[in-house]
């Protein structure tokens, strides 16, 4: 069964826990191993709470002012881009890496007095390029800044690779558009060819019908002449 949290009175303000004079609940291990041994907190009594009442009011006023300053700083940092110049090899890899400390130092140099624990860089930067970094004071006071990591010299080989990649992408797009255009033209050609075949087939059928009809007409004509001849012979015989 898990042990219950214990109540402690903070002797000083502890970040993300409370102000001096606050009574807070913490895990027994945190109290035993950190807060109590370092004199940051003690077990509360009515007398001790009363003794820290004035200190708590002062700390609360200071925290309010601090939060207002943080809010203004967050507003200034929104959509800000900082630039870091670094030594790199011909492929754009850094000699070293960009860490949250580098970003902290550059922000201060650019006039943004953030606290170092507020700089939250997700991954260490090891190549030139564009990145983002979160600046977090608390759940409500947070924003993201842009980081441009630039080389300290012209990288001809790197730029050639970038240009080659862009050219390949453009060529691929052009090939796709050409293929689509050819396919569309092929459909039209096939449609016209099919129509031509149908017309040709119709013409052949008509010609065949005419060819078949000609012998029949000729045969009918011969039969008619033969009938007339037989009729004439019979008529002459009757007379005789």
Protein backbone atom coordinates (compact mmCIF):
# COMPACT_ATOMS: atom_id res chain seq x y z
CA UNK A 1 0.00 0.00 0.00
CA UNK A 2 1.40 3.41 -1.01
CA UNK A 3 2.25 5.78 1.80
CA UNK A 4 0.20 8.94 2.10
CA UNK A 5 1.69 12.33 1.24
CA UNK A 6 2.94 14.35 4.18
CA UNK A 7 2.27 18.02 4.93
CA UNK A 8 5.19 20.42 5.24
CA UNK A 9 5.54 24.15 5.78
CA UNK A 10 7.88 25.81 3.28
CA UNK A 11 10.55 27.99 4.87
CA UNK A 12 11.46 29.48 1.47
CA UNK A 13 9.83 29.63 -1.92
CA UNK A 14 10.42 26.41 -3.88
CA UNK A 15 9.94 26.53 -7.66
CA UNK A 16 6.94 24.49 -8.86
CA UNK A 17 5.97 23.69 -5.27
CA UNK A 18 4.92 26.82 -3.39
CA UNK A 19 5.78 30.11 -1.70
CA UNK A 20 7.42 30.61 1.64
CA UNK A 21 4.79 30.09 4.34
CA UNK A 22 2.71 27.69 2.19
CA UNK A 23 1.66 24.35 3.62
CA UNK A 24 2.13 21.77 0.89
CA UNK A 25 1.66 18.03 0.47
CA UNK A 26 4.64 16.05 -0.82
CA UNK A 27 5.70 12.44 -1.11
CA UNK A 28 7.43 11.05 1.99
CA UNK A 29 10.63 10.31 0.07
CA UNK A 30 10.85 13.87 -1.30
CA UNK A 31 10.35 15.26 2.21
CA UNK A 32 12.80 12.91 3.85
CA UNK A 33 15.56 13.07 1.24
CA UNK A 34 15.42 16.66 0.05
CA UNK A 35 13.15 19.22 1.71
CA UNK A 36 13.77 18.44 5.39
CA UNK A 37 17.56 17.80 5.22
CA UNK A 38 18.17 21.06 3.32
CA UNK A 39 15.99 23.14 5.67
CA UNK A 40 13.60 24.08 2.86
CA UNK A 41 10.59 22.92 4.86
CA UNK A 42 9.52 21.68 8.27
CA UNK A 43 6.48 20.11 9.85
CA UNK A 44 3.83 22.83 10.28
CA UNK A 45 2.48 24.26 13.53
CA UNK A 46 0.11 27.19 14.10
CA UNK A 47 2.93 29.29 15.57
CA UNK A 48 5.31 28.65 12.65
CA UNK A 49 2.61 29.39 10.08
CA UNK A 50 1.84 32.70 11.82
CA UNK A 51 5.54 33.58 11.96
CA UNK A 52 5.87 33.20 8.18
CA UNK A 53 2.65 35.05 7.35
CA UNK A 54 4.35 38.37 6.59
CA UNK A 55 7.09 36.69 4.54
CA UNK A 56 4.43 34.91 2.52
CA UNK A 57 2.65 38.18 1.68
CA UNK A 58 5.92 39.71 0.51
CA UNK A 59 6.73 36.62 -1.59
CA UNK A 60 3.24 36.64 -3.12
CA UNK A 61 3.62 40.29 -4.20
CA UNK A 62 7.03 39.55 -5.68
CA UNK A 63 5.68 36.51 -7.52
CA UNK A 64 2.82 38.57 -8.98
CA UNK A 65 5.28 41.14 -10.29
CA UNK A 66 7.48 38.38 -11.64
CA UNK A 67 4.59 36.75 -13.47
CA UNK A 68 3.64 40.06 -15.06
CA UNK A 69 7.21 40.47 -16.29
CA UNK A 70 7.19 36.92 -17.66
CA UNK A 71 3.94 37.54 -19.51
CA UNK A 72 5.42 40.60 -21.20
CA UNK A 73 8.56 38.65 -22.08
CA UNK A 74 6.50 35.83 -23.60
CA UNK A 75 4.64 38.37 -25.73
CA UNK A 76 7.96 39.78 -26.99
CA UNK A 77 9.33 36.32 -27.74
CA UNK A 78 6.42 35.22 -29.92
CA UNK A 79 7.69 34.60 -33.50
CA UNK A 80 11.21 35.73 -32.57
CA UNK A 81 14.12 34.25 -34.57
CA UNK A 82 17.62 34.04 -33.15
CA UNK A 83 20.70 33.30 -35.25
CA UNK A 84 23.62 31.16 -34.18
CA UNK A 85 26.84 31.09 -36.23
CA UNK A 86 28.77 27.83 -35.91
CA UNK A 87 31.81 26.11 -37.44
CA UNK A 88 30.80 23.25 -39.73
CA UNK A 89 32.26 20.76 -42.18
CA UNK A 90 31.51 20.74 -45.92
CA UNK A 91 28.36 18.64 -45.37
CA UNK A 92 26.83 21.12 -42.90
CA UNK A 93 27.53 19.12 -39.71
CA UNK A 94 28.53 21.19 -36.69
CA UNK A 95 31.84 20.86 -34.88
CA UNK A 96 30.12 20.42 -31.55
CA UNK A 97 26.41 21.01 -30.97
CA UNK A 98 23.88 23.71 -30.09
CA UNK A 99 22.44 23.20 -26.60
CA UNK A 100 19.85 24.99 -24.48
CA UNK A 101 22.71 26.93 -22.86
CA UNK A 102 23.71 28.38 -26.25
CA UNK A 103 20.13 29.46 -26.86
CA UNK A 104 19.91 30.97 -23.37
CA UNK A 105 23.09 32.98 -23.93
CA UNK A 106 21.94 34.24 -27.35
CA UNK A 107 18.53 35.26 -26.00
CA UNK A 108 20.22 37.34 -23.30
CA UNK A 109 22.55 38.86 -25.90
CA UNK A 110 19.49 39.80 -27.98
CA UNK A 111 17.79 41.45 -24.99
CA UNK A 112 15.48 38.65 -23.79
CA UNK A 113 16.28 37.91 -20.10
CA UNK A 114 14.77 34.43 -19.85
CA UNK A 115 15.61 31.98 -17.08
CA UNK A 116 17.74 29.05 -18.16
CA UNK A 117 15.26 26.44 -16.92
CA UNK A 118 12.63 27.99 -19.21
CA UNK A 119 14.58 27.04 -22.36
CA UNK A 120 13.22 23.65 -23.45
CA UNK A 121 15.15 22.36 -26.46
CA UNK A 122 13.70 19.00 -27.52
CA UNK A 123 16.83 17.66 -29.24
CA UNK A 124 20.45 18.71 -29.44
CA UNK A 125 21.14 20.50 -32.75
CA UNK A 126 24.05 19.04 -34.74
CA UNK A 127 23.52 20.44 -38.25
CA UNK A 128 22.91 23.84 -39.81
CA UNK A 129 19.27 24.58 -40.55
CA UNK A 130 16.05 25.92 -39.06
CA UNK A 131 14.71 24.72 -35.71
CA UNK A 132 12.22 25.66 -32.99
CA UNK A 133 12.63 25.82 -29.23
CA UNK A 134 9.97 26.10 -26.52
CA UNK A 135 10.22 28.78 -23.84
CA UNK A 136 8.15 27.63 -20.86
CA UNK A 137 7.66 29.42 -17.54
CA UNK A 138 4.53 27.51 -16.53
CA UNK A 139 1.46 25.91 -18.12
CA UNK A 140 -0.01 29.24 -19.21
CA UNK A 141 3.16 31.19 -19.94
CA UNK A 142 4.85 29.49 -22.86
CA UNK A 143 5.76 30.14 -26.50
CA UNK A 144 8.09 28.95 -29.27
CA UNK A 145 11.01 30.74 -30.87
CA UNK A 146 12.74 30.05 -34.18
CA UNK A 147 16.44 29.22 -34.39
CA UNK A 148 18.59 29.64 -37.49
CA UNK A 149 21.88 27.76 -37.21
CA UNK A 150 24.19 29.21 -39.86
CA UNK A 151 27.69 28.24 -41.05
CA UNK A 152 30.64 30.50 -40.39
CA UNK A 153 31.72 30.23 -44.03
CA UNK A 154 30.35 29.63 -47.52
CA UNK A 155 29.67 25.95 -48.10
CA UNK A 156 29.95 25.45 -51.85
CA UNK A 157 29.58 21.67 -51.73
CA UNK A 158 26.64 21.88 -49.35
CA UNK A 159 24.96 24.51 -51.52
CA UNK A 160 25.56 22.39 -54.61
CA UNK A 161 23.81 19.47 -52.91
CA UNK A 162 20.91 21.71 -51.93
CA UNK A 163 20.64 23.05 -55.50
CA UNK A 164 20.84 19.50 -56.91
CA UNK A 165 18.05 18.33 -54.61
CA UNK A 166 15.87 21.28 -55.61
CA UNK A 167 16.58 20.65 -59.32
CA UNK A 168 15.68 16.96 -58.88
CA UNK A 169 12.42 17.90 -57.18
CA UNK A 170 11.55 20.36 -59.97
CA UNK A 171 12.41 17.75 -62.62
CA UNK A 172 10.20 15.21 -60.90
CA UNK A 173 7.32 17.67 -60.84
CA UNK A 174 7.81 18.43 -64.55
CA UNK A 175 7.90 14.72 -65.41
CA UNK A 176 4.70 14.15 -63.50
CA UNK A 177 2.98 17.02 -65.29
CA UNK A 178 4.27 15.78 -68.69
CA UNK A 179 3.07 12.24 -68.00
CA UNK A 180 -0.36 13.55 -67.05
CA UNK A 181 -0.48 15.64 -70.23
CA UNK A 182 0.60 12.67 -72.39
CA UNK A 183 -1.99 10.45 -70.77
CA UNK A 184 -4.68 13.01 -71.50
CA UNK A 185 -3.52 13.33 -75.12
CA UNK A 186 -3.44 9.52 -75.42
CA UNK A 187 -7.03 9.28 -74.26
CA UNK A 188 -8.10 11.79 -76.93
CA UNK A 189 -6.12 9.95 -79.64
CA UNK A 190 -7.58 6.61 -78.60
CA UNK A 191 -11.06 8.06 -78.70
CA UNK A 192 -10.50 9.45 -82.20
CA UNK A 193 -8.92 6.16 -83.37
CA UNK A 194 -11.84 4.18 -82.05
CA UNK A 195 -14.24 6.49 -83.87
CA UNK A 196 -12.24 6.11 -87.11
CA UNK A 197 -12.24 2.32 -86.76
CA UNK A 198 -16.00 2.33 -86.30
CA UNK A 199 -16.48 4.50 -89.39
CA UNK A 200 -14.11 2.30 -91.42
CA UNK A 201 -15.88 -0.84 -90.23
CA UNK A 202 -19.21 0.69 -91.16
CA UNK A 203 -17.90 1.53 -94.62
CA UNK A 204 -16.59 -2.03 -95.10
CA UNK A 205 -19.97 -3.45 -94.08
CA UNK A 206 -21.72 -1.20 -96.61
CA UNK A 207 -19.28 -2.21 -99.36
CA UNK A 208 -19.76 -5.87 -98.49
CA UNK A 209 -23.52 -5.49 -98.62
CA UNK A 210 -23.22 -3.86 -102.06
CA UNK A 211 -20.96 -6.69 -103.24
CA UNK A 212 -23.37 -9.32 -101.99
CA UNK A 213 -26.34 -7.50 -103.47
CA UNK A 214 -24.77 -7.27 -106.98
CA UNK A 215 -24.65 -11.06 -107.71
CA UNK A 216 -28.16 -11.45 -106.38
CA UNK A 217 -29.43 -8.73 -108.69
CA UNK A 218 -27.58 -10.25 -111.64
CA UNK A 219 -28.98 -13.69 -110.88
CA UNK A 220 -32.49 -12.30 -110.60
CA UNK A 221 -32.10 -10.55 -113.93
CA UNK A 222 -30.96 -13.79 -115.66
CA UNK A 223 -33.88 -15.70 -114.15
CA UNK A 224 -36.28 -13.07 -115.41
CA UNK A 225 -34.85 -13.27 -118.95
CA UNK A 226 -35.02 -17.08 -118.86
CA UNK A 227 -38.63 -16.93 -117.79
CA UNK A 228 -39.49 -14.61 -120.64
CA UNK A 229 -37.72 -16.91 -123.12
CA UNK A 230 -39.59 -20.00 -121.92
CA UNK A 231 -42.86 -18.12 -122.08
CA UNK A 232 -42.17 -17.08 -125.71
CA UNK A 233 -41.35 -20.65 -126.73
CA UNK A 234 -44.56 -21.96 -125.15
CA UNK A 235 -46.61 -19.33 -126.83
CA UNK A 236 -45.17 -20.27 -130.25
CA UNK A 237 -45.88 -23.97 -129.66
CA UNK A 238 -49.50 -23.23 -128.82
CA UNK A 239 -49.87 -21.40 -132.12
CA UNK A 240 -48.50 -24.32 -134.04
